[in-house]
Amino acid sequence: MSWKFGYARVSRDGQTPEQQITALMKAGVERENIFVETASGANEKRPELAKMLAKARRDDIIIIWKLDRLARSMRNLMDIADDLKARGIHLHSLTDAIDTTTASGQLTFHLLAALAQFERELVIERVHAGLARARSAGRVGGRRRTEQAKLDHAMANIGRGMSRAKAAKAAGISRSTVQRELAASKTTPENKDTRRELTQAKDTDKRRLNGFAAHRPQAVS
């Protein structure tokens, strides 16, 4: 027997999740299976989301009001979607008309995944190009090749949207090393274009996630 779980999120105190909760209940989610969170879009800590994901099992369906209620970015959305797919759990976004229990819903989600992958590859390419320009200017000369490779890996993860602390841990270097690199890049003329490109890429990513519903038919009246 499969279960339906709902997730609702508001960004700050004073906002009400009632519209989301009502829509989720109309979609067949029992009130006790709706997890409500108050957290900004940039907040990595979402205990209610973690509880719901831990409770869901194979063939269950997770229902949300909009994609941007579930994820902080397109990258984060794809990470969650990959985890759900691996566990055999379906995802249904009411406003975005995405339902991975249907063939058309799976196709739409695969297109989103392809766009996210393309965006990630562009960001990585821009980061590497900026680092190469900085090295050619002599800014990072003298660093051992192994250390530079770790730093490049951390900077690439930051470009994908990972936090500085997590990027440093994943690369096996200290957070202070990453902080120094970021601080130095802010004062290096060669990196201005790269920083601007990264910002533009992240803004595009957010607009695609937040604006996707505007181009989809409304599934809930």
N, C-alpha and C. Protein backbone atom coordinates (compact mmCIF):
# COMPACT_ATOMS: atom_id res chain seq x y z
N MET A 1 0.84 -1.20 0.00
CA MET A 1 0.00 0.00 0.00
C MET A 1 0.87 1.24 0.00
N SER A 2 0.60 2.16 -0.93
CA SER A 2 1.38 3.39 -1.00
C SER A 2 0.70 4.49 -0.20
N TRP A 3 1.53 5.44 0.25
CA TRP A 3 1.04 6.57 1.02
C TRP A 3 1.36 7.87 0.29
N LYS A 4 0.56 8.88 0.59
CA LYS A 4 0.81 10.22 0.06
C LYS A 4 1.30 11.11 1.20
N PHE A 5 2.42 11.78 0.96
CA PHE A 5 2.97 12.72 1.93
C PHE A 5 3.02 14.11 1.30
N GLY A 6 2.72 15.11 2.09
CA GLY A 6 2.75 16.48 1.60
C GLY A 6 3.80 17.31 2.31
N TYR A 7 4.36 18.27 1.59
CA TYR A 7 5.34 19.18 2.20
C TYR A 7 4.97 20.61 1.84
N ALA A 8 4.83 21.45 2.87
CA ALA A 8 4.51 22.86 2.69
C ALA A 8 5.58 23.69 3.37
N ARG A 9 5.95 24.80 2.73
CA ARG A 9 6.99 25.65 3.32
C ARG A 9 6.64 27.12 3.10
N VAL A 10 6.82 27.90 4.16
CA VAL A 10 6.75 29.36 4.05
C VAL A 10 8.10 29.92 4.45
N SER A 11 8.43 31.09 3.96
CA SER A 11 9.78 31.62 4.13
C SER A 11 10.03 32.24 5.49
N ARG A 12 9.01 32.77 6.12
CA ARG A 12 9.24 33.47 7.39
C ARG A 12 7.98 33.47 8.24
N ASP A 13 8.16 33.78 9.52
CA ASP A 13 7.03 33.90 10.43
C ASP A 13 6.10 35.00 9.93
N GLY A 14 4.82 34.79 10.11
CA GLY A 14 3.84 35.76 9.64
C GLY A 14 3.18 35.33 8.34
N GLN A 15 3.87 34.50 7.57
CA GLN A 15 3.27 33.93 6.37
C GLN A 15 2.48 32.69 6.77
N THR A 16 1.45 32.40 6.02
CA THR A 16 0.62 31.26 6.36
C THR A 16 0.72 30.17 5.29
N PRO A 17 0.81 28.92 5.72
CA PRO A 17 0.88 27.81 4.76
C PRO A 17 -0.49 27.24 4.41
N GLU A 18 -1.55 27.90 4.86
CA GLU A 18 -2.89 27.31 4.73
C GLU A 18 -3.27 27.02 3.28
N GLN A 19 -2.92 27.91 2.36
CA GLN A 19 -3.25 27.66 0.95
C GLN A 19 -2.59 26.38 0.46
N GLN A 20 -1.32 26.20 0.83
CA GLN A 20 -0.61 24.99 0.43
C GLN A 20 -1.23 23.75 1.07
N ILE A 21 -1.55 23.85 2.36
CA ILE A 21 -2.12 22.71 3.08
C ILE A 21 -3.47 22.32 2.47
N THR A 22 -4.29 23.31 2.16
CA THR A 22 -5.61 23.03 1.55
C THR A 22 -5.45 22.31 0.22
N ALA A 23 -4.53 22.79 -0.61
CA ALA A 23 -4.30 22.16 -1.91
C ALA A 23 -3.79 20.73 -1.75
N LEU A 24 -2.90 20.50 -0.78
CA LEU A 24 -2.37 19.17 -0.56
C LEU A 24 -3.47 18.21 -0.09
N MET A 25 -4.35 18.67 0.76
CA MET A 25 -5.44 17.83 1.25
C MET A 25 -6.42 17.52 0.12
N LYS A 26 -6.67 18.49 -0.77
CA LYS A 26 -7.53 18.24 -1.93
C LYS A 26 -6.92 17.19 -2.86
N ALA A 27 -5.58 17.12 -2.83
CA ALA A 27 -4.88 16.14 -3.67
C ALA A 27 -4.83 14.76 -3.02
N GLY A 28 -5.44 14.64 -1.83
CA GLY A 28 -5.55 13.33 -1.21
C GLY A 28 -4.58 13.05 -0.08
N VAL A 29 -3.88 14.09 0.40
CA VAL A 29 -2.94 13.88 1.51
C VAL A 29 -3.66 14.09 2.83
N GLU A 30 -3.54 13.13 3.73
CA GLU A 30 -4.12 13.28 5.06
C GLU A 30 -3.36 14.37 5.82
N ARG A 31 -4.09 15.13 6.65
CA ARG A 31 -3.46 16.25 7.36
C ARG A 31 -2.28 15.81 8.21
N GLU A 32 -2.35 14.62 8.81
CA GLU A 32 -1.25 14.17 9.66
C GLU A 32 -0.01 13.79 8.85
N ASN A 33 -0.17 13.67 7.54
CA ASN A 33 0.96 13.34 6.68
C ASN A 33 1.50 14.55 5.93
N ILE A 34 1.09 15.75 6.36
CA ILE A 34 1.60 16.98 5.76
C ILE A 34 2.65 17.58 6.70
N PHE A 35 3.83 17.80 6.20
CA PHE A 35 4.93 18.36 6.97
C PHE A 35 5.09 19.83 6.61
N VAL A 36 5.01 20.69 7.62
CA VAL A 36 5.03 22.14 7.40
C VAL A 36 6.33 22.72 7.96
N GLU A 37 6.97 23.56 7.15
CA GLU A 37 8.27 24.14 7.51
C GLU A 37 8.21 25.66 7.38
N THR A 38 8.90 26.33 8.31
CA THR A 38 9.14 27.77 8.19
C THR A 38 10.63 27.98 8.02
N ALA A 39 11.05 28.25 6.79
CA ALA A 39 12.48 28.39 6.50
C ALA A 39 12.63 29.13 5.19
N SER A 40 13.65 29.98 5.10
CA SER A 40 13.90 30.71 3.87
C SER A 40 14.42 29.78 2.80
N GLY A 41 14.36 30.23 1.54
CA GLY A 41 14.82 29.41 0.44
C GLY A 41 16.29 29.09 0.50
N ALA A 42 17.09 29.93 1.19
CA ALA A 42 18.54 29.72 1.26
C ALA A 42 18.95 28.83 2.44
N ASN A 43 18.01 28.51 3.32
CA ASN A 43 18.34 27.76 4.53
C ASN A 43 18.53 26.28 4.20
N GLU A 44 19.72 25.75 4.53
CA GLU A 44 20.01 24.34 4.26
C GLU A 44 19.35 23.42 5.27
N LYS A 45 19.05 23.92 6.48
CA LYS A 45 18.49 23.08 7.53
C LYS A 45 16.97 23.09 7.45
N ARG A 46 16.41 21.95 7.07
CA ARG A 46 14.96 21.80 6.97
C ARG A 46 14.56 20.49 7.63
N PRO A 47 14.40 20.52 8.95
CA PRO A 47 14.12 19.27 9.68
C PRO A 47 12.82 18.59 9.26
N GLU A 48 11.78 19.36 8.94
CA GLU A 48 10.52 18.75 8.54
C GLU A 48 10.64 18.04 7.20
N LEU A 49 11.40 18.63 6.29
CA LEU A 49 11.65 17.98 5.00
C LEU A 49 12.42 16.68 5.21
N ALA A 50 13.42 16.74 6.09
CA ALA A 50 14.21 15.54 6.38
C ALA A 50 13.34 14.43 6.97
N LYS A 51 12.42 14.81 7.86
CA LYS A 51 11.52 13.82 8.46
C LYS A 51 10.65 13.15 7.40
N MET A 52 10.10 13.98 6.50
CA MET A 52 9.23 13.43 5.46
C MET A 52 10.00 12.49 4.54
N LEU A 53 11.19 12.91 4.10
CA LEU A 53 11.98 12.08 3.19
C LEU A 53 12.37 10.76 3.85
N ALA A 54 12.63 10.81 5.17
CA ALA A 54 13.00 9.59 5.89
C ALA A 54 11.81 8.65 6.05
N LYS A 55 10.62 9.21 6.12
CA LYS A 55 9.43 8.40 6.34
C LYS A 55 8.92 7.75 5.06
N ALA A 56 9.13 8.38 3.93
CA ALA A 56 8.61 7.88 2.66
C ALA A 56 9.30 6.58 2.27
N ARG A 57 8.51 5.68 1.66
CA ARG A 57 9.00 4.38 1.22
C ARG A 57 8.67 4.17 -0.26
N ARG A 58 9.17 3.09 -0.82
CA ARG A 58 8.95 2.78 -2.24
C ARG A 58 7.46 2.82 -2.60
N ASP A 59 7.17 3.43 -3.74
CA ASP A 59 5.81 3.58 -4.30
C ASP A 59 5.00 4.66 -3.60
N ASP A 60 5.53 5.28 -2.54
CA ASP A 60 4.84 6.42 -1.94
C ASP A 60 4.94 7.63 -2.88
N ILE A 61 4.08 8.62 -2.64
CA ILE A 61 4.06 9.82 -3.47
C ILE A 61 4.25 11.04 -2.58
N ILE A 62 5.21 11.87 -2.92
CA ILE A 62 5.43 13.14 -2.22
C ILE A 62 4.79 14.24 -3.05
N ILE A 63 3.89 14.98 -2.43
CA ILE A 63 3.14 16.02 -3.13
C ILE A 63 3.52 17.38 -2.56
N ILE A 64 3.79 18.32 -3.45
CA ILE A 64 4.14 19.69 -3.05
C ILE A 64 3.28 20.67 -3.84
N TRP A 65 3.21 21.90 -3.34
CA TRP A 65 2.44 22.94 -4.01
C TRP A 65 3.18 23.47 -5.23
N LYS A 66 4.48 23.77 -5.05
CA LYS A 66 5.33 24.25 -6.14
C LYS A 66 6.73 23.68 -5.95
N LEU A 67 7.48 23.61 -7.04
CA LEU A 67 8.84 23.09 -6.96
C LEU A 67 9.71 23.91 -6.03
N ASP A 68 9.52 25.24 -6.02
CA ASP A 68 10.38 26.08 -5.19
C ASP A 68 10.07 25.95 -3.70
N ARG A 69 8.98 25.26 -3.34
CA ARG A 69 8.72 24.97 -1.93
C ARG A 69 9.60 23.82 -1.46
N LEU A 70 9.98 22.95 -2.38
CA LEU A 70 10.74 21.76 -2.01
C LEU A 70 12.24 22.01 -1.99
N ALA A 71 12.75 22.76 -2.97
CA ALA A 71 14.20 22.86 -3.17
C ALA A 71 14.68 24.30 -3.11
N ARG A 72 15.99 24.45 -2.78
CA ARG A 72 16.61 25.77 -2.69
C ARG A 72 17.11 26.25 -4.05
N SER A 73 17.36 25.32 -4.96
CA SER A 73 17.90 25.66 -6.27
C SER A 73 17.62 24.50 -7.21
N MET A 74 17.89 24.69 -8.50
CA MET A 74 17.70 23.61 -9.45
C MET A 74 18.61 22.43 -9.10
N ARG A 75 19.84 22.73 -8.67
CA ARG A 75 20.77 21.68 -8.29
C ARG A 75 20.21 20.87 -7.11
N ASN A 76 19.71 21.57 -6.11
CA ASN A 76 19.13 20.92 -4.95
C ASN A 76 17.91 20.10 -5.33
N LEU A 77 17.09 20.63 -6.24
CA LEU A 77 15.91 19.91 -6.71
C LEU A 77 16.30 18.61 -7.39
N MET A 78 17.32 18.66 -8.23
CA MET A 78 17.75 17.45 -8.93
C MET A 78 18.35 16.43 -7.97
N ASP A 79 19.04 16.89 -6.93
CA ASP A 79 19.58 15.98 -5.92
C ASP A 79 18.45 15.24 -5.21
N ILE A 80 17.42 15.99 -4.82
CA ILE A 80 16.27 15.37 -4.15
C ILE A 80 15.57 14.41 -5.09
N ALA A 81 15.37 14.83 -6.35
CA ALA A 81 14.68 13.99 -7.33
C ALA A 81 15.45 12.70 -7.59
N ASP A 82 16.78 12.80 -7.68
CA ASP A 82 17.60 11.60 -7.90
C ASP A 82 17.47 10.63 -6.74
N ASP A 83 17.44 11.18 -5.51
CA ASP A 83 17.30 10.34 -4.33
C ASP A 83 15.95 9.63 -4.32
N LEU A 84 14.88 10.38 -4.66
CA LEU A 84 13.54 9.80 -4.69
C LEU A 84 13.45 8.72 -5.77
N LYS A 85 14.02 8.98 -6.93
CA LYS A 85 13.97 8.00 -8.02
C LYS A 85 14.69 6.72 -7.63
N ALA A 86 15.85 6.86 -6.99
CA ALA A 86 16.61 5.68 -6.57
C ALA A 86 15.85 4.85 -5.55
N ARG A 87 15.01 5.50 -4.76
CA ARG A 87 14.25 4.82 -3.72
C ARG A 87 12.86 4.40 -4.20
N GLY A 88 12.52 4.71 -5.46
CA GLY A 88 11.23 4.31 -6.00
C GLY A 88 10.07 5.14 -5.48
N ILE A 89 10.35 6.40 -5.12
CA ILE A 89 9.33 7.31 -4.59
C ILE A 89 8.95 8.34 -5.67
N HIS A 90 7.67 8.61 -5.83
CA HIS A 90 7.19 9.51 -6.86
C HIS A 90 7.08 10.94 -6.32
N LEU A 91 7.12 11.89 -7.25
CA LEU A 91 7.01 13.31 -6.90
C LEU A 91 5.91 13.95 -7.73
N HIS A 92 5.04 14.69 -7.06
CA HIS A 92 3.93 15.37 -7.73
C HIS A 92 3.90 16.83 -7.28
N SER A 93 4.13 17.74 -8.24
CA SER A 93 4.05 19.18 -7.97
C SER A 93 2.74 19.71 -8.56
N LEU A 94 1.86 20.17 -7.71
CA LEU A 94 0.52 20.53 -8.15
C LEU A 94 0.49 21.71 -9.12
N THR A 95 1.13 22.81 -8.75
CA THR A 95 1.09 24.01 -9.58
C THR A 95 1.88 23.85 -10.86
N ASP A 96 2.98 23.11 -10.81
CA ASP A 96 3.83 22.93 -11.98
C ASP A 96 3.34 21.80 -12.88
N ALA A 97 2.27 21.12 -12.48
CA ALA A 97 1.71 20.03 -13.28
C ALA A 97 2.75 18.96 -13.59
N ILE A 98 3.58 18.64 -12.60
CA ILE A 98 4.57 17.58 -12.75
C ILE A 98 4.16 16.42 -11.85
N ASP A 99 4.04 15.25 -12.46
CA ASP A 99 3.65 14.05 -11.72
C ASP A 99 4.45 12.88 -12.30
N THR A 100 5.44 12.40 -11.54
CA THR A 100 6.31 11.36 -12.06
C THR A 100 5.65 9.98 -12.06
N THR A 101 4.37 9.90 -11.65
CA THR A 101 3.64 8.65 -11.80
C THR A 101 3.09 8.52 -13.22
N THR A 102 3.19 9.59 -14.03
CA THR A 102 2.71 9.57 -15.41
C THR A 102 3.89 9.71 -16.37
N ALA A 103 3.70 9.26 -17.60
CA ALA A 103 4.76 9.34 -18.61
C ALA A 103 5.10 10.79 -18.95
N SER A 104 4.07 11.62 -19.10
CA SER A 104 4.31 13.02 -19.44
C SER A 104 5.02 13.75 -18.31
N GLY A 105 4.67 13.42 -17.07
CA GLY A 105 5.33 14.05 -15.94
C GLY A 105 6.79 13.67 -15.85
N GLN A 106 7.10 12.41 -16.14
CA GLN A 106 8.49 11.96 -16.15
C GLN A 106 9.28 12.67 -17.24
N LEU A 107 8.66 12.86 -18.42
CA LEU A 107 9.33 13.54 -19.52
C LEU A 107 9.67 14.98 -19.14
N THR A 108 8.71 15.68 -18.55
CA THR A 108 8.95 17.07 -18.14
C THR A 108 10.09 17.15 -17.14
N PHE A 109 10.11 16.23 -16.21
CA PHE A 109 11.15 16.26 -15.19
C PHE A 109 12.51 15.93 -15.78
N HIS A 110 12.56 15.03 -16.76
CA HIS A 110 13.81 14.71 -17.42
C HIS A 110 14.36 15.92 -18.18
N LEU A 111 13.45 16.70 -18.76
CA LEU A 111 13.89 17.92 -19.45
C LEU A 111 14.49 18.91 -18.46
N LEU A 112 13.86 19.04 -17.31
CA LEU A 112 14.40 19.92 -16.27
C LEU A 112 15.78 19.44 -15.81
N ALA A 113 15.92 18.13 -15.67
CA ALA A 113 17.21 17.57 -15.25
C ALA A 113 18.29 17.86 -16.28
N ALA A 114 17.94 17.76 -17.57
CA ALA A 114 18.91 18.04 -18.63
C ALA A 114 19.34 19.50 -18.60
N LEU A 115 18.39 20.40 -18.37
CA LEU A 115 18.72 21.83 -18.27
C LEU A 115 19.62 22.10 -17.07
N ALA A 116 19.33 21.44 -15.95
CA ALA A 116 20.15 21.63 -14.75
C ALA A 116 21.58 21.15 -14.99
N GLN A 117 21.72 20.01 -15.66
CA GLN A 117 23.06 19.48 -15.95
C GLN A 117 23.83 20.42 -16.86
N PHE A 118 23.15 20.95 -17.87
CA PHE A 118 23.79 21.91 -18.77
C PHE A 118 24.26 23.14 -18.01
N GLU A 119 23.42 23.62 -17.11
CA GLU A 119 23.77 24.79 -16.31
C GLU A 119 24.99 24.52 -15.42
N ARG A 120 25.03 23.34 -14.80
CA ARG A 120 26.16 22.98 -13.94
C ARG A 120 27.46 22.94 -14.73
N GLU A 121 27.41 22.36 -15.93
CA GLU A 121 28.62 22.26 -16.74
C GLU A 121 29.13 23.63 -17.16
N LEU A 122 28.20 24.56 -17.43
CA LEU A 122 28.61 25.92 -17.77
C LEU A 122 29.30 26.59 -16.59
N VAL A 123 28.74 26.41 -15.39
CA VAL A 123 29.31 27.02 -14.19
C VAL A 123 30.72 26.47 -13.96
N ILE A 124 30.88 25.15 -14.07
CA ILE A 124 32.19 24.54 -13.86
C ILE A 124 33.20 25.07 -14.87
N GLU A 125 32.77 25.17 -16.12
CA GLU A 125 33.66 25.68 -17.17
C GLU A 125 34.10 27.11 -16.86
N ARG A 126 33.17 27.94 -16.40
CA ARG A 126 33.50 29.33 -16.09
C ARG A 126 34.44 29.44 -14.90
N VAL A 127 34.22 28.59 -13.88
CA VAL A 127 35.10 28.60 -12.71
C VAL A 127 36.51 28.22 -13.11
N HIS A 128 36.64 27.16 -13.89
CA HIS A 128 37.96 26.72 -14.31
C HIS A 128 38.65 27.77 -15.18
N ALA A 129 37.88 28.43 -16.04
CA ALA A 129 38.46 29.47 -16.87
C ALA A 129 38.97 30.63 -16.01
N GLY A 130 38.20 31.00 -14.98
CA GLY A 130 38.62 32.08 -14.10
C GLY A 130 39.86 31.72 -13.31
N LEU A 131 39.93 30.47 -12.84
CA LEU A 131 41.11 30.03 -12.10
C LEU A 131 42.34 30.00 -13.00
N ALA A 132 42.14 29.59 -14.26
CA ALA A 132 43.27 29.56 -15.20
C ALA A 132 43.79 30.97 -15.46
N ARG A 133 42.88 31.94 -15.60
CA ARG A 133 43.30 33.32 -15.81
C ARG A 133 44.06 33.85 -14.60
N ALA A 134 43.58 33.47 -13.40
CA ALA A 134 44.25 33.92 -12.19
C ALA A 134 45.65 33.33 -12.08
N ARG A 135 45.77 32.03 -12.41
CA ARG A 135 47.08 31.40 -12.34
C ARG A 135 48.04 32.00 -13.36
N SER A 136 47.52 32.29 -14.55
CA SER A 136 48.39 32.88 -15.58
C SER A 136 48.88 34.26 -15.16
N ALA A 137 48.09 34.92 -14.29
CA ALA A 137 48.50 36.24 -13.79
C ALA A 137 49.43 36.12 -12.59
N GLY A 138 49.68 34.87 -12.15
CA GLY A 138 50.63 34.66 -11.07
C GLY A 138 50.06 34.72 -9.69
N ARG A 139 48.73 34.79 -9.58
CA ARG A 139 48.16 34.97 -8.25
C ARG A 139 48.30 33.72 -7.39
N VAL A 140 48.20 32.53 -7.98
CA VAL A 140 48.23 31.31 -7.18
C VAL A 140 49.52 30.53 -7.41
N GLY A 141 50.53 31.16 -7.88
CA GLY A 141 51.81 30.49 -8.10
C GLY A 141 52.39 29.98 -6.80
N GLY A 142 53.07 28.84 -6.86
CA GLY A 142 53.75 28.30 -5.69
C GLY A 142 52.95 27.29 -4.91
N ARG A 143 51.66 27.15 -5.18
CA ARG A 143 50.86 26.16 -4.47
C ARG A 143 51.11 24.78 -5.08
N ARG A 144 51.27 23.76 -4.25
CA ARG A 144 51.50 22.42 -4.76
C ARG A 144 50.32 21.95 -5.59
N ARG A 145 50.61 21.12 -6.61
CA ARG A 145 49.58 20.70 -7.55
C ARG A 145 48.41 20.01 -6.84
N THR A 146 48.71 19.15 -5.86
CA THR A 146 47.65 18.46 -5.13
C THR A 146 46.75 19.44 -4.40
N GLU A 147 47.34 20.43 -3.74
CA GLU A 147 46.56 21.43 -3.02
C GLU A 147 45.71 22.24 -3.99
N GLN A 148 46.29 22.58 -5.14
CA GLN A 148 45.54 23.36 -6.12
C GLN A 148 44.35 22.57 -6.66
N ALA A 149 44.56 21.26 -6.88
CA ALA A 149 43.47 20.43 -7.38
C ALA A 149 42.32 20.38 -6.37
N LYS A 150 42.66 20.28 -5.08
CA LYS A 150 41.63 20.27 -4.04
C LYS A 150 40.88 21.60 -4.01
N LEU A 151 41.64 22.69 -4.14
CA LEU A 151 41.03 24.01 -4.11
C LEU A 151 40.13 24.21 -5.33
N ASP A 152 40.59 23.75 -6.49
CA ASP A 152 39.76 23.84 -7.69
C ASP A 152 38.45 23.07 -7.51
N HIS A 153 38.56 21.90 -6.88
CA HIS A 153 37.37 21.08 -6.64
C HIS A 153 36.40 21.81 -5.72
N ALA A 154 36.93 22.43 -4.67
CA ALA A 154 36.08 23.17 -3.73
C ALA A 154 35.41 24.35 -4.42
N MET A 155 36.17 25.09 -5.23
CA MET A 155 35.61 26.26 -5.91
C MET A 155 34.55 25.84 -6.92
N ALA A 156 34.75 24.71 -7.58
CA ALA A 156 33.75 24.22 -8.53
C ALA A 156 32.46 23.85 -7.81
N ASN A 157 32.57 23.23 -6.63
CA ASN A 157 31.37 22.88 -5.85
C ASN A 157 30.64 24.13 -5.38
N ILE A 158 31.39 25.16 -5.00
CA ILE A 158 30.77 26.42 -4.60
C ILE A 158 30.05 27.02 -5.80
N GLY A 159 30.64 26.90 -6.97
CA GLY A 159 29.99 27.38 -8.18
C GLY A 159 28.69 26.66 -8.47
N ARG A 160 28.59 25.39 -8.02
CA ARG A 160 27.35 24.63 -8.21
C ARG A 160 26.28 25.00 -7.18
N GLY A 161 26.66 25.77 -6.17
CA GLY A 161 25.70 26.17 -5.14
C GLY A 161 25.94 25.56 -3.79
N MET A 162 26.99 24.75 -3.64
CA MET A 162 27.30 24.14 -2.34
C MET A 162 27.83 25.19 -1.37
N SER A 163 27.54 25.04 -0.10
CA SER A 163 28.04 25.97 0.89
C SER A 163 29.56 25.88 1.00
N ARG A 164 30.19 26.95 1.51
CA ARG A 164 31.65 26.97 1.63
C ARG A 164 32.15 25.86 2.56
N ALA A 165 31.46 25.67 3.66
CA ALA A 165 31.89 24.65 4.63
C ALA A 165 31.83 23.26 4.02
N LYS A 166 30.72 22.95 3.33
CA LYS A 166 30.58 21.62 2.74
C LYS A 166 31.57 21.43 1.59
N ALA A 167 31.81 22.49 0.81
CA ALA A 167 32.76 22.39 -0.31
C ALA A 167 34.16 22.12 0.22
N ALA A 168 34.54 22.80 1.31
CA ALA A 168 35.86 22.59 1.89
C ALA A 168 36.00 21.16 2.43
N LYS A 169 34.97 20.67 3.10
CA LYS A 169 35.01 19.32 3.66
C LYS A 169 35.09 18.27 2.56
N ALA A 170 34.31 18.47 1.49
CA ALA A 170 34.31 17.50 0.39
C ALA A 170 35.66 17.44 -0.31
N ALA A 171 36.35 18.59 -0.36
CA ALA A 171 37.65 18.65 -1.04
C ALA A 171 38.81 18.25 -0.13
N GLY A 172 38.54 18.13 1.16
CA GLY A 172 39.59 17.74 2.09
C GLY A 172 40.53 18.87 2.46
N ILE A 173 40.02 20.11 2.46
CA ILE A 173 40.82 21.26 2.85
C ILE A 173 40.06 22.04 3.91
N SER A 174 40.75 22.99 4.55
CA SER A 174 40.11 23.75 5.61
C SER A 174 39.20 24.83 5.02
N ARG A 175 38.22 25.20 5.82
CA ARG A 175 37.31 26.27 5.39
C ARG A 175 38.06 27.58 5.24
N SER A 176 39.08 27.80 6.10
CA SER A 176 39.84 29.05 6.03
C SER A 176 40.58 29.17 4.70
N THR A 177 41.02 28.02 4.15
CA THR A 177 41.70 28.05 2.85
C THR A 177 40.74 28.52 1.77
N VAL A 178 39.52 28.00 1.82
CA VAL A 178 38.50 28.43 0.86
C VAL A 178 38.17 29.90 1.03
N GLN A 179 38.05 30.33 2.29
CA GLN A 179 37.74 31.73 2.57
C GLN A 179 38.83 32.64 2.02
N ARG A 180 40.09 32.26 2.19
CA ARG A 180 41.20 33.08 1.68
C ARG A 180 41.17 33.15 0.16
N GLU A 181 40.86 32.04 -0.47
CA GLU A 181 40.79 32.03 -1.93
C GLU A 181 39.68 32.94 -2.44
N LEU A 182 38.52 32.88 -1.79
CA LEU A 182 37.40 33.72 -2.19
C LEU A 182 37.71 35.19 -1.94
N ALA A 183 38.34 35.47 -0.80
CA ALA A 183 38.70 36.86 -0.48
C ALA A 183 39.71 37.40 -1.49
N ALA A 184 40.68 36.56 -1.86
CA ALA A 184 41.69 36.99 -2.83
C ALA A 184 41.09 37.23 -4.20
N SER A 185 40.12 36.38 -4.56
CA SER A 185 39.52 36.52 -5.89
C SER A 185 38.73 37.81 -6.02
N LYS A 186 38.22 38.31 -4.89
CA LYS A 186 37.46 39.56 -4.94
C LYS A 186 38.34 40.76 -5.27
N THR A 187 39.62 40.63 -5.01
CA THR A 187 40.52 41.76 -5.26
C THR A 187 41.34 41.58 -6.53
N THR A 188 41.06 40.51 -7.28
CA THR A 188 41.82 40.23 -8.49
C THR A 188 41.02 40.63 -9.72
N PRO A 189 41.51 41.56 -10.52
CA PRO A 189 40.75 42.03 -11.68
C PRO A 189 40.39 40.90 -12.64
N GLU A 190 41.26 39.88 -12.77
CA GLU A 190 40.99 38.84 -13.74
C GLU A 190 39.75 38.02 -13.39
N ASN A 191 39.34 38.06 -12.13
CA ASN A 191 38.22 37.22 -11.72
C ASN A 191 36.88 37.95 -11.75
N LYS A 192 36.86 39.22 -12.07
CA LYS A 192 35.60 39.96 -12.06
C LYS A 192 34.59 39.38 -13.04
N ASP A 193 35.06 39.06 -14.25
CA ASP A 193 34.15 38.50 -15.25
C ASP A 193 33.59 37.16 -14.79
N THR A 194 34.46 36.32 -14.20
CA THR A 194 34.02 35.01 -13.75
C THR A 194 32.98 35.13 -12.64
N ARG A 195 33.23 36.02 -11.67
CA ARG A 195 32.26 36.21 -10.59
C ARG A 195 30.93 36.69 -11.13
N ARG A 196 30.98 37.60 -12.11
CA ARG A 196 29.75 38.10 -12.70
C ARG A 196 29.01 36.97 -13.43
N GLU A 197 29.75 36.10 -14.14
CA GLU A 197 29.14 34.99 -14.84
C GLU A 197 28.51 34.00 -13.87
N LEU A 198 29.21 33.72 -12.75
CA LEU A 198 28.66 32.82 -11.76
C LEU A 198 27.36 33.37 -11.17
N THR A 199 27.37 34.67 -10.86
CA THR A 199 26.17 35.30 -10.32
C THR A 199 25.02 35.22 -11.31
N GLN A 200 25.31 35.50 -12.57
CA GLN A 200 24.28 35.44 -13.59
C GLN A 200 23.74 34.02 -13.74
N ALA A 201 24.65 33.02 -13.68
CA ALA A 201 24.23 31.63 -13.80
C ALA A 201 23.31 31.23 -12.64
N LYS A 202 23.69 31.64 -11.42
CA LYS A 202 22.87 31.31 -10.25
C LYS A 202 21.52 32.01 -10.33
N ASP A 203 21.51 33.27 -10.79
CA ASP A 203 20.25 34.00 -10.93
C ASP A 203 19.35 33.32 -11.95
N THR A 204 19.94 32.86 -13.04
CA THR A 204 19.17 32.16 -14.06
C THR A 204 18.57 30.88 -13.49
N ASP A 205 19.38 30.17 -12.70
CA ASP A 205 18.92 28.94 -12.06
C ASP A 205 17.73 29.21 -11.16
N LYS A 206 17.79 30.28 -10.35
CA LYS A 206 16.70 30.61 -9.45
C LYS A 206 15.46 31.03 -10.21
N ARG A 207 15.65 31.83 -11.29
CA ARG A 207 14.49 32.26 -12.07
C ARG A 207 13.80 31.09 -12.73
N ARG A 208 14.59 30.12 -13.20
CA ARG A 208 13.98 28.95 -13.84
C ARG A 208 13.17 28.16 -12.84
N LEU A 209 13.70 27.98 -11.63
CA LEU A 209 12.98 27.23 -10.61
C LEU A 209 11.75 27.97 -10.13
N ASN A 210 11.89 29.28 -9.84
CA ASN A 210 10.77 30.05 -9.29
C ASN A 210 9.72 30.39 -10.35
N GLY A 211 10.15 30.50 -11.60
CA GLY A 211 9.21 30.92 -12.64
C GLY A 211 8.64 29.81 -13.46
N PHE A 212 9.00 28.56 -13.17
CA PHE A 212 8.55 27.45 -13.99
C PHE A 212 7.04 27.32 -13.97
N ALA A 213 6.45 27.58 -12.80
CA ALA A 213 5.00 27.42 -12.67
C ALA A 213 4.24 28.38 -13.56
N ALA A 214 4.82 29.52 -13.88
CA ALA A 214 4.11 30.52 -14.68
C ALA A 214 3.85 30.03 -16.10
N HIS A 215 4.59 29.02 -16.53
CA HIS A 215 4.45 28.53 -17.89
C HIS A 215 3.78 27.16 -17.94
N ARG A 216 3.22 26.73 -16.82
CA ARG A 216 2.55 25.44 -16.77
C ARG A 216 1.08 25.66 -16.45
N PRO A 217 0.21 24.77 -16.91
CA PRO A 217 -1.22 24.89 -16.57
C PRO A 217 -1.44 24.67 -15.09
N GLN A 218 -2.37 25.40 -14.53
CA GLN A 218 -2.68 25.26 -13.12
C GLN A 218 -3.40 23.96 -12.88
N ALA A 219 -2.89 23.15 -11.90
CA ALA A 219 -3.51 21.87 -11.61
C ALA A 219 -4.51 21.95 -10.46
N VAL A 220 -4.49 23.08 -9.75
CA VAL A 220 -5.37 23.25 -8.60
C VAL A 220 -6.11 24.56 -8.75
N SER A 221 -7.40 24.52 -8.65
CA SER A 221 -8.20 25.74 -8.78
C SER A 221 -8.20 26.50 -7.49
